[in-house]
Amino acid sequence: MDHSLSELANRRQDPNRGLRRGLLFLSVVLVASLSGHWLIQDGHYGAYALVPTVVVISMALITHRTLEALMAGCLSGFIILSPSSAIQDMALAGLEVMQQPTMGWIALVCGLLGALIGLLQFVRGTEAFSDSAGRLLTTRRRAMLGATGLGILIFIDDYLNAMTVSAAMKKLFDRLRISRSMLAYIVDSTAAPICLLIPFSTWAIYLAGLLESQGIASTGEGFATYLGLIPMLFYPLIALLVVLLVALGVLPALGRMRVAEAGDELVDDSSAEQADEVQRQITPRLINFVLPVTTLLLATWWFGIDALIGVGFALLVALALYAAQRIAPLNRMFDELLGGFQQMLLPLGIVFAAFLLQTVNQNLGLTETLVAWVEPLMQGSWLPGVTFLLLSGLAFATGSFWGVYAIAFPIVIPLAEATGASMGLTLGAMISAGAFGSHACFFGDSTVLSARGCGVTPIQHALTQLPYVLLAAGASAILYFLLG
């Protein structure tokens, strides 16, 4: 038995072992954070700005738990800022995060998507889709290519992509003995990267507006300018190429993915329950999956690519369809809706903690610190490559992707103009860095949703896909340096 298998076996025998080690590590970090507060002068935190990020990554690797690691990182940051009021400041910052419109939108979208998927599973709609797809996707290669194709097809929003593809393909992958980790990798690889490559998406709309606000494109021309940047989005392009090579069997299972594919992965599918008598009497019908999901996609697109409105219409259509068929009493269907919503509480908790971490990092000046360290290198032909590496690190460390764009554009664009660097490559590097962060960060929203939908933990998903993510990131960095 190799080291990875031994580690998994030990974790199963003593599930609290990692948590105890994590608490010991946290105790040391909190003492260091407390002492660090008194060493800081003039409000410049310097290297101490990295402490919350280091704590989050270290705790996650030690405990294999995401929410606890994020909260520990936040606590260490608030202690550095003000030891005497750290708990109070953390509580107030959490309240501010919950009051943000973005957090409210995410909570509603994710919760209602969970409710819709819970309803689809109850009426055996996902089972009907899996059975229908299984008649065509009869081999490992076909199933993986089918999942990739479905991910490309659902390009409107990364949240819709992550939740819909995982729900549709999970049973088929189980039947063909393909690991949940592999499915999570495919789902995540066709979330943010595809939203950037097919520009009729939430990501493209946001970036087009950002290009106009920064003066790169004139009013009304942001979308056309963004279209011209797509060939320079190296990370999304290479990430898509890599996942296709994996699906075709050209690239083998690497690292921890090899362990998962050998059938020894920890599945965290708490939403799976035994079918009761009511559910067993329901006949699986393909229309019960296809019509709500089609409504979800069309309504999202029709109403300005707003997933909240789309999922609202999808729920109404689903309930009307199932009530017309008299599949089950309405009170039972609403119970399933609430159960699906409850299954999203942990992912929502992780997203909330990631937003809280962003607040801590902002107060500590993490972005300004890292930019100041690498600014001597951000010049001329090196600018696109350095920009990609720096912003990729920031996006991964903070779990903020659109936020990194908003911060970086006003800094990097003047540097590109002043140094004569290629503006197109520099913009492509900045946008690609956000895609890397969304793909790689284990507490990023689409990564958490991909893991949750596929029934694995976020840290397990992040580690199993890591070799492929690093391969795409390394190739992208080389291209930005060479072409810069």
Protein backbone atom coordinates (compact mmCIF):
# COMPACT_ATOMS: atom_id res chain seq x y z
CA MET A 1 0.00 0.00 0.00
CA ASP A 2 1.52 3.35 -1.02
CA HIS A 3 1.72 6.45 1.18
CA SER A 4 -1.54 7.97 -0.10
CA LEU A 5 -3.52 4.82 0.57
CA SER A 6 -1.99 4.49 4.05
CA GLU A 7 -2.96 8.09 4.81
CA LEU A 8 -6.56 7.46 3.75
CA ALA A 9 -6.70 4.31 5.85
CA ASN A 10 -5.40 6.15 8.92
CA ARG A 11 -7.94 8.92 8.45
CA ARG A 12 -10.76 6.39 8.33
CA GLN A 13 -9.53 4.71 11.53
CA ASP A 14 -9.14 8.01 13.43
CA PRO A 15 -11.17 10.80 11.78
CA ASN A 16 -10.26 13.25 14.58
CA ARG A 17 -6.50 12.83 14.19
CA GLY A 18 -6.15 15.59 11.61
CA LEU A 19 -8.43 17.92 13.57
CA ARG A 20 -6.33 17.50 16.72
CA ARG A 21 -3.16 18.27 14.79
CA GLY A 22 -4.89 21.28 13.23
CA LEU A 23 -5.92 22.64 16.64
CA LEU A 24 -2.34 22.28 17.90
CA PHE A 25 -1.07 24.13 14.84
CA LEU A 26 -3.70 26.82 15.30
CA SER A 27 -2.66 27.35 18.92
CA VAL A 28 0.91 28.03 17.81
CA VAL A 29 -0.26 30.38 15.06
CA LEU A 30 -2.53 32.37 17.38
CA VAL A 31 0.33 32.90 19.81
CA ALA A 32 2.54 34.01 16.91
CA SER A 33 -0.21 36.32 15.64
CA LEU A 34 -0.60 37.87 19.10
CA SER A 35 3.12 38.50 19.39
CA GLY A 36 3.23 39.76 15.82
CA HIS A 37 0.73 42.51 16.63
CA TRP A 38 3.20 44.11 19.03
CA LEU A 39 6.04 43.93 16.49
CA ILE A 40 4.14 45.82 13.80
CA GLN A 41 5.00 49.47 13.45
CA ASP A 42 3.24 52.37 11.70
CA GLY A 43 0.37 50.12 10.58
CA HIS A 44 2.50 48.36 7.94
CA TYR A 45 1.96 44.64 8.37
CA GLY A 46 4.52 43.47 5.81
CA ALA A 47 4.98 39.72 5.81
CA TYR A 48 2.35 39.37 8.56
CA ALA A 49 -0.26 40.06 5.87
CA LEU A 50 0.47 36.53 4.62
CA VAL A 51 -0.36 34.87 7.95
CA PRO A 52 -4.13 34.29 7.37
CA THR A 53 -3.48 32.74 3.96
CA VAL A 54 -0.72 30.48 5.31
CA VAL A 55 -3.00 29.42 8.17
CA VAL A 56 -5.88 28.58 5.81
CA ILE A 57 -3.76 26.49 3.46
CA SER A 58 -1.87 24.74 6.28
CA MET A 59 -4.99 23.98 8.31
CA ALA A 60 -6.78 22.65 5.24
CA LEU A 61 -3.91 20.31 4.41
CA ILE A 62 -3.64 19.12 8.02
CA THR A 63 -7.34 18.66 8.79
CA HIS A 64 -8.74 18.11 5.27
CA ARG A 65 -11.59 20.43 6.29
CA THR A 66 -12.33 23.72 4.58
CA LEU A 67 -14.70 25.76 6.73
CA GLU A 68 -12.65 25.29 9.90
CA ALA A 69 -9.45 26.27 8.07
CA LEU A 70 -11.02 29.47 6.73
CA MET A 71 -12.37 30.52 10.12
CA ALA A 72 -8.98 29.84 11.73
CA GLY A 73 -7.27 32.01 9.11
CA CYS A 74 -9.77 34.81 9.68
CA LEU A 75 -9.29 34.64 13.45
CA SER A 76 -5.51 34.85 13.13
CA GLY A 77 -5.88 37.92 10.92
CA PHE A 78 -8.20 39.72 13.33
CA ILE A 79 -5.79 38.98 16.19
CA ILE A 80 -2.97 40.61 14.22
CA LEU A 81 -5.19 43.63 13.57
CA SER A 82 -6.40 44.03 17.16
CA PRO A 83 -5.92 41.31 19.80
CA SER A 84 -8.15 43.00 22.38
CA SER A 85 -11.20 43.16 20.11
CA ALA A 86 -10.55 40.32 17.66
CA ILE A 87 -13.75 38.39 18.41
CA GLN A 88 -15.92 41.50 18.31
CA ASP A 89 -14.32 42.69 15.07
CA MET A 90 -14.75 39.27 13.48
CA ALA A 91 -18.45 39.18 14.42
CA LEU A 92 -19.08 42.68 13.06
CA ALA A 93 -17.18 41.91 9.85
CA GLY A 94 -19.28 38.78 9.44
CA LEU A 95 -22.42 40.85 9.79
CA GLU A 96 -21.17 43.26 7.13
CA VAL A 97 -20.44 40.35 4.79
CA MET A 98 -23.96 38.99 5.27
CA GLN A 99 -25.40 42.41 4.41
CA GLN A 100 -23.59 42.59 1.08
CA PRO A 101 -25.92 42.19 -1.94
CA THR A 102 -23.44 39.77 -3.55
CA MET A 103 -23.55 37.43 -0.57
CA GLY A 104 -27.34 37.58 -0.52
CA TRP A 105 -27.49 36.78 -4.24
CA ILE A 106 -25.12 33.83 -3.82
CA ALA A 107 -27.09 32.49 -0.85
CA LEU A 108 -30.37 32.60 -2.77
CA VAL A 109 -28.96 31.17 -6.02
CA CYS A 110 -27.07 28.33 -4.36
CA GLY A 111 -29.88 27.51 -1.95
CA LEU A 112 -32.53 27.47 -4.67
CA LEU A 113 -30.29 25.44 -6.98
CA GLY A 114 -29.88 22.94 -4.16
CA ALA A 115 -33.67 22.90 -3.74
CA LEU A 116 -34.18 22.30 -7.46
CA ILE A 117 -31.66 19.46 -7.56
CA GLY A 118 -33.20 17.91 -4.45
CA LEU A 119 -36.56 17.95 -6.21
CA LEU A 120 -35.08 16.51 -9.44
CA GLN A 121 -33.54 13.66 -7.46
CA PHE A 122 -36.75 12.97 -5.56
CA VAL A 123 -38.85 12.61 -8.72
CA ARG A 124 -36.04 10.47 -10.20
CA GLY A 125 -35.45 12.95 -13.01
CA THR A 126 -31.67 12.75 -12.63
CA GLU A 127 -31.98 8.96 -12.69
CA ALA A 128 -33.95 9.15 -15.95
CA PHE A 129 -31.32 11.43 -17.50
CA SER A 130 -28.53 9.13 -16.33
CA ASP A 131 -30.28 6.09 -17.80
CA SER A 132 -30.84 7.86 -21.13
CA ALA A 133 -27.26 9.12 -21.29
CA GLY A 134 -26.01 5.68 -20.31
CA ARG A 135 -27.46 4.18 -23.48
CA LEU A 136 -25.11 6.40 -25.52
CA LEU A 137 -22.22 6.95 -23.13
CA THR A 138 -21.42 3.31 -22.58
CA THR A 139 -17.67 3.56 -22.03
CA ARG A 140 -15.38 5.50 -19.75
CA ARG A 141 -14.12 7.71 -22.58
CA ARG A 142 -17.62 8.51 -23.86
CA ALA A 143 -18.89 9.34 -20.38
CA MET A 144 -16.00 11.71 -19.66
CA LEU A 145 -16.35 13.38 -23.05
CA GLY A 146 -20.11 13.61 -22.49
CA ALA A 147 -19.61 15.35 -19.15
CA THR A 148 -17.12 17.73 -20.76
CA GLY A 149 -19.53 18.47 -23.59
CA LEU A 150 -22.40 19.10 -21.18
CA GLY A 151 -20.16 21.46 -19.21
CA ILE A 152 -19.35 23.37 -22.38
CA LEU A 153 -23.03 23.51 -23.30
CA ILE A 154 -23.97 25.12 -19.95
CA PHE A 155 -21.73 28.16 -20.44
CA ILE A 156 -24.02 30.85 -19.06
CA ASP A 157 -22.85 30.75 -15.45
CA ASP A 158 -20.29 28.75 -13.50
CA TYR A 159 -22.75 28.09 -10.64
CA LEU A 160 -25.34 26.60 -13.00
CA ASN A 161 -22.62 24.58 -14.68
CA ALA A 162 -21.21 23.12 -11.48
CA MET A 163 -24.54 22.12 -9.98
CA THR A 164 -26.31 20.92 -13.13
CA VAL A 165 -23.53 18.81 -14.67
CA SER A 166 -22.67 17.12 -11.37
CA ALA A 167 -26.32 16.23 -10.73
CA ALA A 168 -26.80 14.94 -14.28
CA MET A 169 -23.66 12.80 -14.55
CA LYS A 170 -22.99 11.51 -11.03
CA LYS A 171 -25.01 8.29 -11.27
CA LEU A 172 -23.58 7.47 -14.69
CA PHE A 173 -20.02 7.91 -13.45
CA ASP A 174 -20.78 5.67 -10.46
CA ARG A 175 -22.17 3.00 -12.77
CA LEU A 176 -19.04 3.07 -14.96
CA ARG A 177 -16.77 3.10 -11.88
CA ILE A 178 -15.28 6.51 -12.66
CA SER A 179 -14.33 8.35 -9.50
CA ARG A 180 -16.32 11.28 -8.16
CA SER A 181 -13.03 13.20 -8.01
CA MET A 182 -12.62 12.81 -11.77
CA LEU A 183 -16.16 14.09 -12.33
CA ALA A 184 -15.49 17.06 -10.03
CA TYR A 185 -12.35 17.88 -12.02
CA ILE A 186 -14.25 17.81 -15.31
CA VAL A 187 -17.09 19.90 -13.87
CA ASP A 188 -14.73 22.52 -12.42
CA SER A 189 -12.64 22.65 -15.60
CA THR A 190 -15.70 23.53 -17.65
CA ALA A 191 -17.05 26.14 -15.20
CA ALA A 192 -15.12 29.45 -15.07
CA PRO A 193 -12.80 28.58 -18.02
CA ILE A 194 -15.76 27.99 -20.34
CA CYS A 195 -17.57 31.09 -19.05
CA LEU A 196 -14.54 33.09 -20.19
CA LEU A 197 -14.13 31.39 -23.57
CA ILE A 198 -17.81 31.55 -24.56
CA PRO A 199 -18.53 35.22 -23.95
CA PHE A 200 -22.30 35.04 -23.41
CA SER A 201 -21.82 34.55 -19.68
CA THR A 202 -21.82 36.38 -16.36
CA TRP A 203 -18.00 36.54 -16.37
CA ALA A 204 -17.80 38.08 -19.84
CA ILE A 205 -20.47 40.67 -19.06
CA TYR A 206 -18.61 41.73 -15.91
CA LEU A 207 -15.26 41.96 -17.69
CA ALA A 208 -16.73 43.88 -20.63
CA GLY A 209 -18.06 46.46 -18.19
CA LEU A 210 -14.68 46.61 -16.45
CA LEU A 211 -12.89 47.22 -19.75
CA GLU A 212 -15.20 50.18 -20.41
CA SER A 213 -14.86 51.62 -16.91
CA GLN A 214 -11.06 51.52 -17.15
CA GLY A 215 -10.99 53.30 -20.50
CA ILE A 216 -9.67 50.30 -22.44
CA ALA A 217 -12.86 50.24 -24.50
CA SER A 218 -15.23 53.07 -25.32
CA THR A 219 -18.81 52.98 -24.07
CA GLY A 220 -20.71 50.14 -25.72
CA GLU A 221 -17.53 48.56 -27.13
CA GLY A 222 -16.50 46.52 -24.09
CA PHE A 223 -17.96 43.29 -25.42
CA ALA A 224 -16.23 43.65 -28.81
CA THR A 225 -12.93 44.39 -27.04
CA TYR A 226 -13.36 41.31 -24.88
CA LEU A 227 -13.94 39.14 -27.96
CA GLY A 228 -10.56 40.25 -29.27
CA LEU A 229 -8.88 39.13 -26.04
CA ILE A 230 -10.16 35.54 -26.12
CA PRO A 231 -7.16 34.15 -28.12
CA MET A 232 -4.88 35.49 -25.35
CA LEU A 233 -6.75 33.78 -22.50
CA PHE A 234 -4.14 31.05 -22.32
CA TYR A 235 -5.15 29.46 -19.04
CA PRO A 236 -8.81 28.78 -19.95
CA LEU A 237 -7.74 27.50 -23.37
CA ILE A 238 -5.05 25.17 -22.00
CA ALA A 239 -7.25 24.01 -19.09
CA LEU A 240 -9.93 22.98 -21.60
CA LEU A 241 -7.30 21.21 -23.74
CA VAL A 242 -5.98 19.34 -20.70
CA VAL A 243 -9.41 18.13 -19.60
CA LEU A 244 -10.11 16.91 -23.15
CA LEU A 245 -6.81 15.01 -23.16
CA VAL A 246 -7.72 13.44 -19.81
CA ALA A 247 -11.17 12.47 -21.09
CA LEU A 248 -9.65 10.92 -24.21
CA GLY A 249 -7.20 8.92 -22.10
CA VAL A 250 -4.13 10.65 -23.53
CA LEU A 251 -3.23 12.09 -20.12
CA PRO A 252 -3.34 9.46 -17.34
CA ALA A 253 -4.54 9.88 -13.78
CA LEU A 254 -1.84 11.76 -11.88
CA GLY A 255 -1.04 12.20 -8.20
CA ARG A 256 -3.98 11.77 -5.86
CA MET A 257 -6.30 11.35 -8.81
CA ARG A 258 -4.61 8.00 -9.39
CA VAL A 259 -5.59 6.94 -5.86
CA ALA A 260 -9.17 8.10 -6.40
CA GLU A 261 -9.40 6.28 -9.73
CA ALA A 262 -8.13 3.12 -8.03
CA GLY A 263 -11.38 3.15 -6.07
CA ASP A 264 -10.04 4.44 -2.76
CA GLU A 265 -11.56 7.89 -2.37
CA LEU A 266 -13.51 9.38 0.50
CA VAL A 267 -17.02 10.15 -0.74
CA ASP A 268 -18.86 12.87 1.17
CA ASP A 269 -22.32 12.38 -0.31
CA SER A 270 -24.45 13.26 2.72
CA SER A 271 -27.38 14.08 0.47
CA ALA A 272 -27.69 10.47 -0.64
CA GLU A 273 -30.53 8.73 1.15
CA GLN A 274 -32.35 5.46 0.72
CA ALA A 275 -35.46 5.78 -1.40
CA ASP A 276 -38.65 5.47 0.62
CA GLU A 277 -41.90 3.87 -0.51
CA VAL A 278 -43.22 7.08 -2.12
CA GLN A 279 -40.09 7.58 -4.19
CA ARG A 280 -39.86 3.95 -5.28
CA GLN A 281 -43.34 4.24 -6.81
CA ILE A 282 -42.32 7.21 -9.00
CA THR A 283 -41.61 6.30 -12.62
CA PRO A 284 -38.38 7.93 -13.91
CA ARG A 285 -39.27 10.22 -16.82
CA LEU A 286 -36.75 12.16 -18.88
CA ILE A 287 -39.11 15.13 -19.27
CA ASN A 288 -39.00 15.62 -15.51
CA PHE A 289 -35.31 16.47 -15.79
CA VAL A 290 -35.06 18.07 -19.21
CA LEU A 291 -37.92 20.57 -18.94
CA PRO A 292 -36.87 22.18 -15.59
CA VAL A 293 -33.18 22.31 -16.60
CA THR A 294 -34.03 23.77 -20.03
CA THR A 295 -36.22 26.36 -18.32
CA LEU A 296 -33.36 27.15 -15.94
CA LEU A 297 -30.94 27.85 -18.80
CA LEU A 298 -33.36 29.71 -21.08
CA ALA A 299 -34.81 31.89 -18.32
CA THR A 300 -31.32 32.73 -17.05
CA TRP A 301 -30.30 33.85 -20.54
CA TRP A 302 -33.58 35.65 -21.31
CA PHE A 303 -33.48 37.77 -18.15
CA GLY A 304 -30.03 39.23 -18.70
CA ILE A 305 -28.05 36.17 -17.58
CA ASP A 306 -29.43 36.31 -14.05
CA ALA A 307 -29.28 32.86 -12.49
CA LEU A 308 -31.52 33.89 -9.60
CA ILE A 309 -34.46 34.59 -11.90
CA GLY A 310 -33.64 31.49 -13.94
CA VAL A 311 -33.75 29.12 -10.98
CA GLY A 312 -36.95 30.76 -9.75
CA PHE A 313 -38.70 30.02 -13.04
CA ALA A 314 -37.24 26.51 -13.11
CA LEU A 315 -38.68 25.73 -9.68
CA LEU A 316 -42.12 26.97 -10.69
CA VAL A 317 -42.08 24.90 -13.88
CA ALA A 318 -40.86 21.83 -12.00
CA LEU A 319 -43.56 22.08 -9.33
CA ALA A 320 -46.29 22.64 -11.93
CA LEU A 321 -45.06 19.71 -14.03
CA TYR A 322 -44.86 17.31 -11.11
CA ALA A 323 -48.18 18.43 -9.63
CA ALA A 324 -49.89 17.87 -13.00
CA GLN A 325 -48.54 14.31 -12.99
CA ARG A 326 -49.58 13.83 -9.37
CA ILE A 327 -46.17 12.42 -8.63
CA ALA A 328 -46.43 13.10 -4.89
CA PRO A 329 -48.36 15.28 -2.45
CA LEU A 330 -47.36 18.93 -2.56
CA ASN A 331 -46.29 18.92 1.07
CA ARG A 332 -43.85 16.10 0.34
CA MET A 333 -42.39 17.97 -2.64
CA PHE A 334 -41.92 21.10 -0.53
CA ASP A 335 -40.17 18.95 2.09
CA GLU A 336 -37.76 17.81 -0.61
CA LEU A 337 -37.22 21.42 -1.68
CA LEU A 338 -36.31 22.39 1.87
CA GLY A 339 -34.06 19.36 2.19
CA GLY A 340 -32.18 20.35 -0.95
CA PHE A 341 -31.80 23.90 0.35
CA GLN A 342 -30.39 22.59 3.62
CA GLN A 343 -27.78 20.54 1.75
CA MET A 344 -26.27 23.83 0.54
CA LEU A 345 -25.65 25.24 4.01
CA LEU A 346 -22.08 23.93 4.24
CA PRO A 347 -21.04 25.29 0.80
CA LEU A 348 -22.67 28.61 1.70
CA GLY A 349 -20.78 28.64 4.98
CA ILE A 350 -17.53 28.16 3.09
CA VAL A 351 -18.36 30.97 0.66
CA PHE A 352 -19.25 33.24 3.60
CA ALA A 353 -15.94 32.44 5.31
CA ALA A 354 -14.08 33.13 2.06
CA PHE A 355 -15.73 36.58 1.89
CA LEU A 356 -14.70 37.17 5.50
CA LEU A 357 -11.13 36.20 4.63
CA GLN A 358 -11.19 38.75 1.83
CA THR A 359 -12.08 41.41 4.40
CA VAL A 360 -9.17 40.38 6.62
CA ASN A 361 -6.71 40.38 3.72
CA GLN A 362 -7.92 43.79 2.61
CA ASN A 363 -7.44 45.24 6.11
CA LEU A 364 -3.95 43.74 6.28
CA GLY A 365 -3.06 45.14 2.86
CA LEU A 366 -2.15 41.78 1.34
CA THR A 367 -2.58 42.92 -2.27
CA GLU A 368 -0.56 46.11 -1.80
CA THR A 369 2.20 44.17 -0.01
CA LEU A 370 2.59 41.58 -2.76
CA VAL A 371 2.43 44.19 -5.54
CA ALA A 372 5.16 46.22 -3.82
CA TRP A 373 7.37 43.14 -3.56
CA VAL A 374 7.17 42.26 -7.25
CA GLU A 375 6.76 45.75 -8.74
CA PRO A 376 10.44 45.93 -9.83
CA LEU A 377 9.76 42.93 -12.07
CA MET A 378 6.51 44.31 -13.52
CA GLN A 379 8.02 46.08 -16.49
CA GLY A 380 8.35 45.72 -20.23
CA SER A 381 8.22 42.28 -21.74
CA TRP A 382 8.05 40.57 -18.34
CA LEU A 383 4.81 42.29 -17.36
CA PRO A 384 2.29 39.74 -18.78
CA GLY A 385 4.08 36.76 -17.22
CA VAL A 386 4.64 38.42 -13.84
CA THR A 387 1.06 39.68 -13.84
CA PHE A 388 -0.26 36.17 -14.43
CA LEU A 389 1.84 34.65 -11.65
CA LEU A 390 1.16 37.42 -9.13
CA LEU A 391 -2.59 37.65 -9.70
CA SER A 392 -2.94 33.86 -9.84
CA GLY A 393 -1.34 33.70 -6.40
CA LEU A 394 -3.60 36.47 -5.12
CA ALA A 395 -6.74 34.86 -6.53
CA PHE A 396 -5.80 31.51 -5.01
CA ALA A 397 -4.90 33.02 -1.63
CA THR A 398 -7.93 35.25 -1.26
CA GLY A 399 -10.67 33.30 -3.04
CA SER A 400 -11.60 36.57 -4.73
CA PHE A 401 -11.63 36.49 -8.53
CA TRP A 402 -13.81 39.34 -9.69
CA GLY A 403 -12.42 41.32 -6.74
CA VAL A 404 -8.87 40.72 -7.94
CA TYR A 405 -9.89 42.03 -11.36
CA ALA A 406 -11.32 45.20 -9.83
CA ILE A 407 -8.14 45.79 -7.82
CA ALA A 408 -5.62 44.82 -10.50
CA PHE A 409 -6.97 46.64 -13.55
CA PRO A 410 -6.27 50.18 -12.25
CA ILE A 411 -2.75 49.10 -11.17
CA VAL A 412 -1.57 46.98 -14.09
CA ILE A 413 -3.06 48.92 -17.03
CA PRO A 414 -1.03 52.11 -16.33
CA LEU A 415 2.08 49.95 -15.88
CA ALA A 416 1.50 48.37 -19.29
CA GLU A 417 1.05 51.79 -20.90
CA ALA A 418 4.14 53.21 -19.19
CA THR A 419 6.45 50.30 -19.97
CA GLY A 420 5.26 49.61 -23.51
CA ALA A 421 4.16 46.07 -22.67
CA SER A 422 1.62 44.34 -24.88
CA MET A 423 -1.76 45.52 -23.61
CA GLY A 424 -3.60 42.54 -25.10
CA LEU A 425 -1.28 39.98 -23.49
CA THR A 426 -1.34 41.81 -20.17
CA LEU A 427 -5.14 41.90 -20.13
CA GLY A 428 -5.22 38.25 -21.14
CA ALA A 429 -2.85 37.42 -18.28
CA MET A 430 -5.03 39.26 -15.75
CA ILE A 431 -8.22 37.54 -16.92
CA SER A 432 -6.51 34.14 -17.04
CA ALA A 433 -5.28 34.60 -13.47
CA GLY A 434 -8.88 34.89 -12.27
CA ALA A 435 -9.77 31.70 -14.12
CA PHE A 436 -6.86 29.91 -12.44
CA GLY A 437 -7.97 31.14 -9.03
CA SER A 438 -11.54 30.00 -9.56
CA HIS A 439 -10.30 26.62 -10.79
CA ALA A 440 -7.61 25.97 -8.19
CA CYS A 441 -8.73 27.67 -4.96
CA PHE A 442 -10.22 25.03 -2.67
CA PHE A 443 -12.52 27.55 -1.00
CA GLY A 444 -13.54 29.30 -4.22
CA ASP A 445 -17.26 29.26 -4.95
CA SER A 446 -17.30 27.16 -8.13
CA THR A 447 -14.74 24.71 -6.67
CA VAL A 448 -16.86 24.26 -3.54
CA LEU A 449 -20.03 23.79 -5.59
CA SER A 450 -18.32 21.31 -7.94
CA ALA A 451 -17.09 19.28 -4.99
CA ARG A 452 -20.45 19.40 -3.24
CA GLY A 453 -22.37 18.42 -6.34
CA CYS A 454 -20.09 15.44 -6.96
CA GLY A 455 -20.03 14.26 -3.35
CA VAL A 456 -16.38 14.90 -2.44
CA THR A 457 -14.83 17.42 -0.05
CA PRO A 458 -13.42 20.68 -1.43
CA ILE A 459 -9.88 19.91 -0.26
CA GLN A 460 -10.05 16.40 -1.76
CA HIS A 461 -11.25 17.86 -5.05
CA ALA A 462 -8.52 20.53 -5.02
CA LEU A 463 -5.74 18.03 -4.36
CA THR A 464 -6.88 15.46 -6.93
CA GLN A 465 -7.12 18.03 -9.73
CA LEU A 466 -3.96 19.89 -8.68
CA PRO A 467 -1.52 18.22 -11.15
CA TYR A 468 -3.72 19.16 -14.12
CA VAL A 469 -4.28 22.69 -12.83
CA LEU A 470 -0.55 23.24 -12.34
CA LEU A 471 0.17 21.80 -15.78
CA ALA A 472 -2.17 24.32 -17.41
CA ALA A 473 -0.87 27.18 -15.24
CA GLY A 474 2.78 26.36 -15.98
CA ALA A 475 2.19 26.21 -19.73
CA SER A 476 0.25 29.51 -19.58
CA ALA A 477 3.01 31.27 -17.64
CA ILE A 478 5.63 30.12 -20.14
CA LEU A 479 3.56 31.45 -23.04
CA TYR A 480 3.03 34.83 -21.38
CA PHE A 481 6.76 35.20 -20.73
CA LEU A 482 7.78 34.02 -24.21
CA LEU A 483 5.24 36.11 -26.13
CA GLY A 484 5.64 39.14 -23.86
